[in-house]
N, C-alpha and C. Protein backbone atom coordinates (compact mmCIF):
# COMPACT_ATOMS: atom_id res chain seq x y z
N MET A 1 154.55 -230.51 93.71
CA MET A 1 155.28 -231.75 93.66
C MET A 1 156.24 -231.86 94.84
N ARG A 2 156.87 -230.74 95.18
CA ARG A 2 157.79 -230.77 96.32
C ARG A 2 157.05 -230.96 97.63
N ARG A 3 155.82 -230.45 97.70
CA ARG A 3 155.04 -230.63 98.93
C ARG A 3 154.76 -232.11 99.17
N ILE A 4 154.49 -232.83 98.10
CA ILE A 4 154.24 -234.27 98.23
C ILE A 4 155.50 -234.96 98.75
N CYS A 5 156.65 -234.56 98.23
CA CYS A 5 157.92 -235.15 98.67
C CYS A 5 158.13 -234.89 100.16
N PHE A 6 157.89 -233.67 100.59
CA PHE A 6 158.07 -233.33 102.00
C PHE A 6 157.05 -234.04 102.89
N ARG A 7 155.86 -234.28 102.37
CA ARG A 7 154.85 -235.01 103.15
C ARG A 7 155.28 -236.45 103.38
N PHE A 8 155.86 -237.08 102.35
CA PHE A 8 156.33 -238.45 102.53
C PHE A 8 157.51 -238.51 103.49
N VAL A 9 158.39 -237.52 103.46
CA VAL A 9 159.50 -237.47 104.41
C VAL A 9 158.96 -237.29 105.83
N ALA A 10 157.99 -236.41 105.98
CA ALA A 10 157.40 -236.21 107.31
C ALA A 10 156.68 -237.47 107.79
N LEU A 11 155.99 -238.14 106.90
CA LEU A 11 155.30 -239.37 107.27
C LEU A 11 156.30 -240.45 107.68
N GLY A 12 157.38 -240.58 106.92
CA GLY A 12 158.41 -241.56 107.28
C GLY A 12 159.08 -241.24 108.59
N SER A 13 159.33 -239.96 108.83
CA SER A 13 159.93 -239.55 110.10
C SER A 13 158.99 -239.83 111.26
N LEU A 14 157.72 -239.54 111.06
CA LEU A 14 156.73 -239.80 112.10
C LEU A 14 156.65 -241.30 112.41
N PHE A 15 156.60 -242.12 111.38
CA PHE A 15 156.59 -243.58 111.59
C PHE A 15 157.82 -244.04 112.36
N THR A 16 158.98 -243.50 112.01
CA THR A 16 160.22 -243.90 112.67
C THR A 16 160.22 -243.48 114.14
N ILE A 17 159.85 -242.24 114.42
CA ILE A 17 159.86 -241.73 115.79
C ILE A 17 158.87 -242.50 116.67
N VAL A 18 157.65 -242.67 116.17
CA VAL A 18 156.64 -243.39 116.96
C VAL A 18 157.04 -244.86 117.11
N GLY A 19 157.60 -245.45 116.06
CA GLY A 19 158.02 -246.84 116.13
C GLY A 19 159.15 -247.05 117.12
N LEU A 20 160.10 -246.12 117.16
CA LEU A 20 161.19 -246.23 118.13
C LEU A 20 160.72 -245.94 119.55
N ALA A 21 159.72 -245.05 119.69
CA ALA A 21 159.19 -244.76 121.02
C ALA A 21 158.43 -245.96 121.58
N LEU A 22 157.82 -246.72 120.72
CA LEU A 22 157.05 -247.89 121.15
C LEU A 22 157.84 -249.19 120.93
N TRP A 23 159.15 -249.10 120.94
CA TRP A 23 160.00 -250.25 120.67
C TRP A 23 159.74 -251.45 121.60
N PRO A 24 159.40 -251.26 122.88
CA PRO A 24 159.12 -252.42 123.75
C PRO A 24 157.89 -253.22 123.30
N PHE A 25 157.05 -252.63 122.47
CA PHE A 25 155.85 -253.32 121.98
C PHE A 25 156.04 -253.67 120.51
N PRO A 26 156.59 -254.86 120.22
CA PRO A 26 156.93 -255.18 118.83
C PRO A 26 155.73 -255.28 117.89
N GLN A 27 154.55 -255.56 118.42
CA GLN A 27 153.37 -255.64 117.54
C GLN A 27 153.03 -254.29 116.93
N VAL A 28 153.38 -253.22 117.59
CA VAL A 28 153.08 -251.87 117.10
C VAL A 28 154.30 -251.24 116.45
N SER A 29 155.47 -251.42 117.06
CA SER A 29 156.65 -250.70 116.60
C SER A 29 157.20 -251.24 115.27
N ARG A 30 157.22 -252.54 115.09
CA ARG A 30 157.80 -253.09 113.86
C ARG A 30 157.04 -252.68 112.60
N PRO A 31 155.71 -252.75 112.58
CA PRO A 31 155.03 -252.27 111.36
C PRO A 31 155.27 -250.79 111.08
N LEU A 32 155.35 -249.98 112.14
CA LEU A 32 155.59 -248.55 111.92
C LEU A 32 156.98 -248.31 111.35
N VAL A 33 157.98 -249.00 111.86
CA VAL A 33 159.34 -248.84 111.35
C VAL A 33 159.43 -249.38 109.93
N ILE A 34 158.72 -250.47 109.66
CA ILE A 34 158.73 -251.04 108.30
C ILE A 34 158.02 -250.08 107.33
N LEU A 35 156.95 -249.44 107.75
CA LEU A 35 156.25 -248.49 106.88
C LEU A 35 157.06 -247.22 106.61
N SER A 36 158.00 -246.90 107.47
CA SER A 36 158.81 -245.70 107.25
C SER A 36 159.73 -245.88 106.04
N GLY A 37 160.16 -247.11 105.77
CA GLY A 37 161.05 -247.37 104.63
C GLY A 37 160.43 -247.00 103.30
N PRO A 38 159.23 -247.54 102.97
CA PRO A 38 158.62 -247.17 101.69
C PRO A 38 158.31 -245.69 101.56
N SER A 39 157.96 -245.03 102.65
CA SER A 39 157.67 -243.60 102.54
C SER A 39 158.94 -242.82 102.19
N PHE A 40 160.09 -243.21 102.76
CA PHE A 40 161.34 -242.55 102.38
C PHE A 40 161.72 -242.88 100.94
N VAL A 41 161.49 -244.10 100.50
CA VAL A 41 161.82 -244.49 99.12
C VAL A 41 160.95 -243.70 98.14
N ILE A 42 159.67 -243.54 98.44
CA ILE A 42 158.78 -242.76 97.58
C ILE A 42 159.22 -241.29 97.55
N ALA A 43 159.62 -240.76 98.69
CA ALA A 43 160.10 -239.36 98.74
C ALA A 43 161.35 -239.20 97.89
N ILE A 44 162.26 -240.16 97.94
CA ILE A 44 163.48 -240.09 97.13
C ILE A 44 163.14 -240.18 95.65
N ALA A 45 162.19 -241.05 95.29
CA ALA A 45 161.78 -241.17 93.88
C ALA A 45 161.15 -239.88 93.37
N ILE A 46 160.33 -239.24 94.19
CA ILE A 46 159.74 -237.96 93.80
C ILE A 46 160.81 -236.89 93.65
N TRP A 47 161.78 -236.88 94.56
CA TRP A 47 162.86 -235.90 94.48
C TRP A 47 163.68 -236.10 93.21
N ILE A 48 163.95 -237.36 92.85
CA ILE A 48 164.70 -237.63 91.61
C ILE A 48 163.91 -237.16 90.40
N ARG A 49 162.61 -237.37 90.41
CA ARG A 49 161.79 -236.92 89.28
C ARG A 49 161.80 -235.40 89.18
N ILE A 50 161.71 -234.70 90.30
CA ILE A 50 161.77 -233.24 90.29
C ILE A 50 163.12 -232.78 89.75
N TRP A 51 164.19 -233.42 90.20
CA TRP A 51 165.52 -233.05 89.74
C TRP A 51 165.68 -233.31 88.25
N ARG A 52 165.15 -234.44 87.76
CA ARG A 52 165.26 -234.78 86.35
C ARG A 52 164.46 -233.80 85.49
N ASP A 53 163.26 -233.43 85.94
CA ASP A 53 162.44 -232.49 85.18
C ASP A 53 163.04 -231.09 85.17
N SER A 54 163.71 -230.71 86.24
CA SER A 54 164.32 -229.38 86.26
C SER A 54 165.55 -229.31 85.37
N ALA A 55 166.17 -230.46 85.09
CA ALA A 55 167.35 -230.50 84.23
C ALA A 55 166.96 -230.62 82.75
N ALA A 56 165.68 -230.68 82.46
CA ALA A 56 165.22 -230.83 81.09
C ALA A 56 165.46 -229.54 80.30
N ASP A 57 165.41 -229.66 79.01
CA ASP A 57 165.63 -228.53 78.11
C ASP A 57 164.49 -227.52 78.27
N PRO A 58 164.80 -226.27 78.62
CA PRO A 58 163.72 -225.29 78.81
C PRO A 58 163.04 -224.89 77.50
N TYR A 59 163.67 -225.20 76.36
CA TYR A 59 163.12 -224.84 75.06
C TYR A 59 162.53 -226.05 74.34
N SER A 60 162.16 -227.07 75.09
CA SER A 60 161.62 -228.29 74.51
C SER A 60 160.20 -228.06 74.00
N LEU A 61 159.91 -228.59 72.81
CA LEU A 61 158.55 -228.48 72.28
C LEU A 61 157.59 -229.37 73.04
N ASP A 62 158.08 -230.47 73.59
CA ASP A 62 157.22 -231.33 74.41
C ASP A 62 156.75 -230.57 75.65
N LYS A 63 157.64 -229.80 76.25
CA LYS A 63 157.27 -229.02 77.43
C LYS A 63 156.25 -227.93 77.05
N LEU A 64 156.43 -227.33 75.88
CA LEU A 64 155.47 -226.33 75.41
C LEU A 64 154.10 -226.95 75.17
N ASN A 65 154.07 -228.14 74.57
CA ASN A 65 152.78 -228.82 74.35
C ASN A 65 152.11 -229.16 75.67
N GLU A 66 152.88 -229.58 76.67
CA GLU A 66 152.31 -229.88 77.99
C GLU A 66 151.73 -228.61 78.61
N MET A 67 152.44 -227.48 78.45
CA MET A 67 151.95 -226.23 79.01
C MET A 67 150.65 -225.81 78.34
N VAL A 68 150.54 -226.02 77.03
CA VAL A 68 149.31 -225.66 76.31
C VAL A 68 148.17 -226.55 76.77
N LYS A 69 148.42 -227.86 76.94
CA LYS A 69 147.37 -228.78 77.36
C LYS A 69 146.92 -228.49 78.79
N GLU A 70 147.86 -228.12 79.67
CA GLU A 70 147.52 -227.82 81.06
C GLU A 70 146.87 -226.45 81.21
N GLY A 71 147.05 -225.58 80.23
CA GLY A 71 146.50 -224.24 80.30
C GLY A 71 147.40 -223.26 81.03
N THR A 72 148.67 -223.62 81.26
CA THR A 72 149.58 -222.73 81.97
C THR A 72 150.37 -221.84 81.02
N TYR A 73 150.21 -222.06 79.73
CA TYR A 73 150.93 -221.25 78.74
C TYR A 73 150.21 -219.93 78.55
N ASN A 74 150.95 -218.84 78.64
CA ASN A 74 150.38 -217.51 78.52
C ASN A 74 151.05 -216.81 77.35
N GLU A 75 150.28 -216.47 76.33
CA GLU A 75 150.85 -215.82 75.15
C GLU A 75 151.27 -214.39 75.42
N ASP A 76 150.85 -213.81 76.51
CA ASP A 76 151.25 -212.44 76.83
C ASP A 76 152.74 -212.36 77.17
N ASP A 77 153.34 -213.50 77.57
CA ASP A 77 154.76 -213.52 77.91
C ASP A 77 155.66 -213.60 76.68
N VAL A 78 155.09 -213.86 75.51
CA VAL A 78 155.87 -213.99 74.29
C VAL A 78 156.16 -212.59 73.75
N PRO A 79 157.43 -212.27 73.46
CA PRO A 79 157.73 -210.93 72.95
C PRO A 79 157.18 -210.73 71.53
N GLU A 80 156.88 -209.50 71.23
CA GLU A 80 156.36 -209.16 69.90
C GLU A 80 157.46 -209.32 68.84
N ILE A 81 157.04 -209.69 67.64
CA ILE A 81 157.98 -209.85 66.53
C ILE A 81 158.23 -208.47 65.92
N ASP A 82 159.47 -208.18 65.69
CA ASP A 82 159.82 -206.90 65.07
C ASP A 82 159.64 -207.02 63.56
N HIS A 83 158.54 -206.44 63.06
CA HIS A 83 158.25 -206.55 61.63
C HIS A 83 159.11 -205.60 60.80
N ASP A 84 159.76 -204.65 61.43
CA ASP A 84 160.58 -203.70 60.70
C ASP A 84 162.03 -204.16 60.61
N GLY A 85 162.36 -205.27 61.22
CA GLY A 85 163.73 -205.75 61.24
C GLY A 85 164.11 -206.48 59.97
N ASP A 86 165.34 -206.91 59.92
CA ASP A 86 165.83 -207.64 58.75
C ASP A 86 165.44 -209.10 58.84
N LYS A 87 165.41 -209.73 57.67
CA LYS A 87 165.11 -211.15 57.58
C LYS A 87 166.37 -211.89 57.14
N TYR A 88 166.43 -213.17 57.48
CA TYR A 88 167.57 -214.00 57.13
C TYR A 88 167.08 -215.14 56.25
N CYS A 89 167.71 -215.32 55.11
CA CYS A 89 167.33 -216.38 54.18
C CYS A 89 168.13 -217.63 54.52
N LEU A 90 167.42 -218.70 54.81
CA LEU A 90 168.07 -219.96 55.15
C LEU A 90 168.65 -220.67 53.92
N CYS A 91 168.15 -220.32 52.75
CA CYS A 91 168.64 -220.99 51.53
C CYS A 91 169.99 -220.43 51.08
N CYS A 92 170.08 -219.12 50.94
CA CYS A 92 171.32 -218.53 50.42
C CYS A 92 172.12 -217.78 51.48
N HIS A 93 171.64 -217.77 52.73
CA HIS A 93 172.33 -217.18 53.88
C HIS A 93 172.63 -215.69 53.69
N THR A 94 171.64 -214.99 53.20
CA THR A 94 171.80 -213.54 53.08
C THR A 94 170.76 -212.86 53.96
N VAL A 95 171.07 -211.63 54.33
CA VAL A 95 170.16 -210.82 55.13
C VAL A 95 169.55 -209.78 54.21
N TYR A 96 168.22 -209.65 54.27
CA TYR A 96 167.54 -208.68 53.43
C TYR A 96 166.49 -207.96 54.24
N GLY A 97 166.02 -206.86 53.74
CA GLY A 97 165.08 -206.01 54.46
C GLY A 97 163.69 -206.62 54.54
N SER A 98 162.93 -206.15 55.52
CA SER A 98 161.59 -206.69 55.72
C SER A 98 160.61 -206.20 54.66
N GLN A 99 160.98 -205.20 53.88
CA GLN A 99 160.07 -204.73 52.84
C GLN A 99 159.92 -205.71 51.70
N PHE A 100 160.85 -206.67 51.59
CA PHE A 100 160.77 -207.70 50.56
C PHE A 100 159.96 -208.88 51.09
N GLY A 101 159.07 -209.41 50.28
CA GLY A 101 158.28 -210.56 50.66
C GLY A 101 159.09 -211.85 50.56
N THR A 102 159.95 -211.89 49.56
CA THR A 102 160.82 -213.05 49.36
C THR A 102 162.26 -212.56 49.27
N CYS A 103 163.18 -213.49 49.34
CA CYS A 103 164.60 -213.14 49.26
C CYS A 103 164.92 -212.61 47.87
N PRO A 104 165.54 -211.46 47.76
CA PRO A 104 165.86 -210.92 46.43
C PRO A 104 166.96 -211.72 45.72
N THR A 105 167.72 -212.50 46.43
CA THR A 105 168.80 -213.25 45.81
C THR A 105 168.30 -214.56 45.21
N CYS A 106 167.55 -215.33 46.01
CA CYS A 106 167.13 -216.65 45.51
C CYS A 106 165.62 -216.76 45.33
N ALA A 107 164.86 -215.74 45.65
CA ALA A 107 163.40 -215.67 45.47
C ALA A 107 162.64 -216.73 46.27
N LYS A 108 163.17 -217.10 47.44
CA LYS A 108 162.46 -218.03 48.33
C LYS A 108 162.13 -217.31 49.63
N LYS A 109 161.11 -217.78 50.29
CA LYS A 109 160.72 -217.18 51.57
C LYS A 109 161.59 -217.65 52.69
């Protein structure tokens, strides 16, 4: 995505330089200078989108779904669950051992 942004900046710069070099010939220079404007505007729009996407929540489920659809999600990066650790009951807010299938206080999972 950043490469596209830099390509539009380079294209706009090229249009500006060539347009200013050919300034005595208005039939050639004016269209080149005019074309440099949209290329810079597109580059700025791409940069804003990159900045907005980088500021997004890294724990977003939408981002996870996009990664799964694109095929960039790798399950090897997910840490293993500690099955020997303690469990926390969301109903009664108690901590109990993993040997219990359900909470011994309120009998819910």
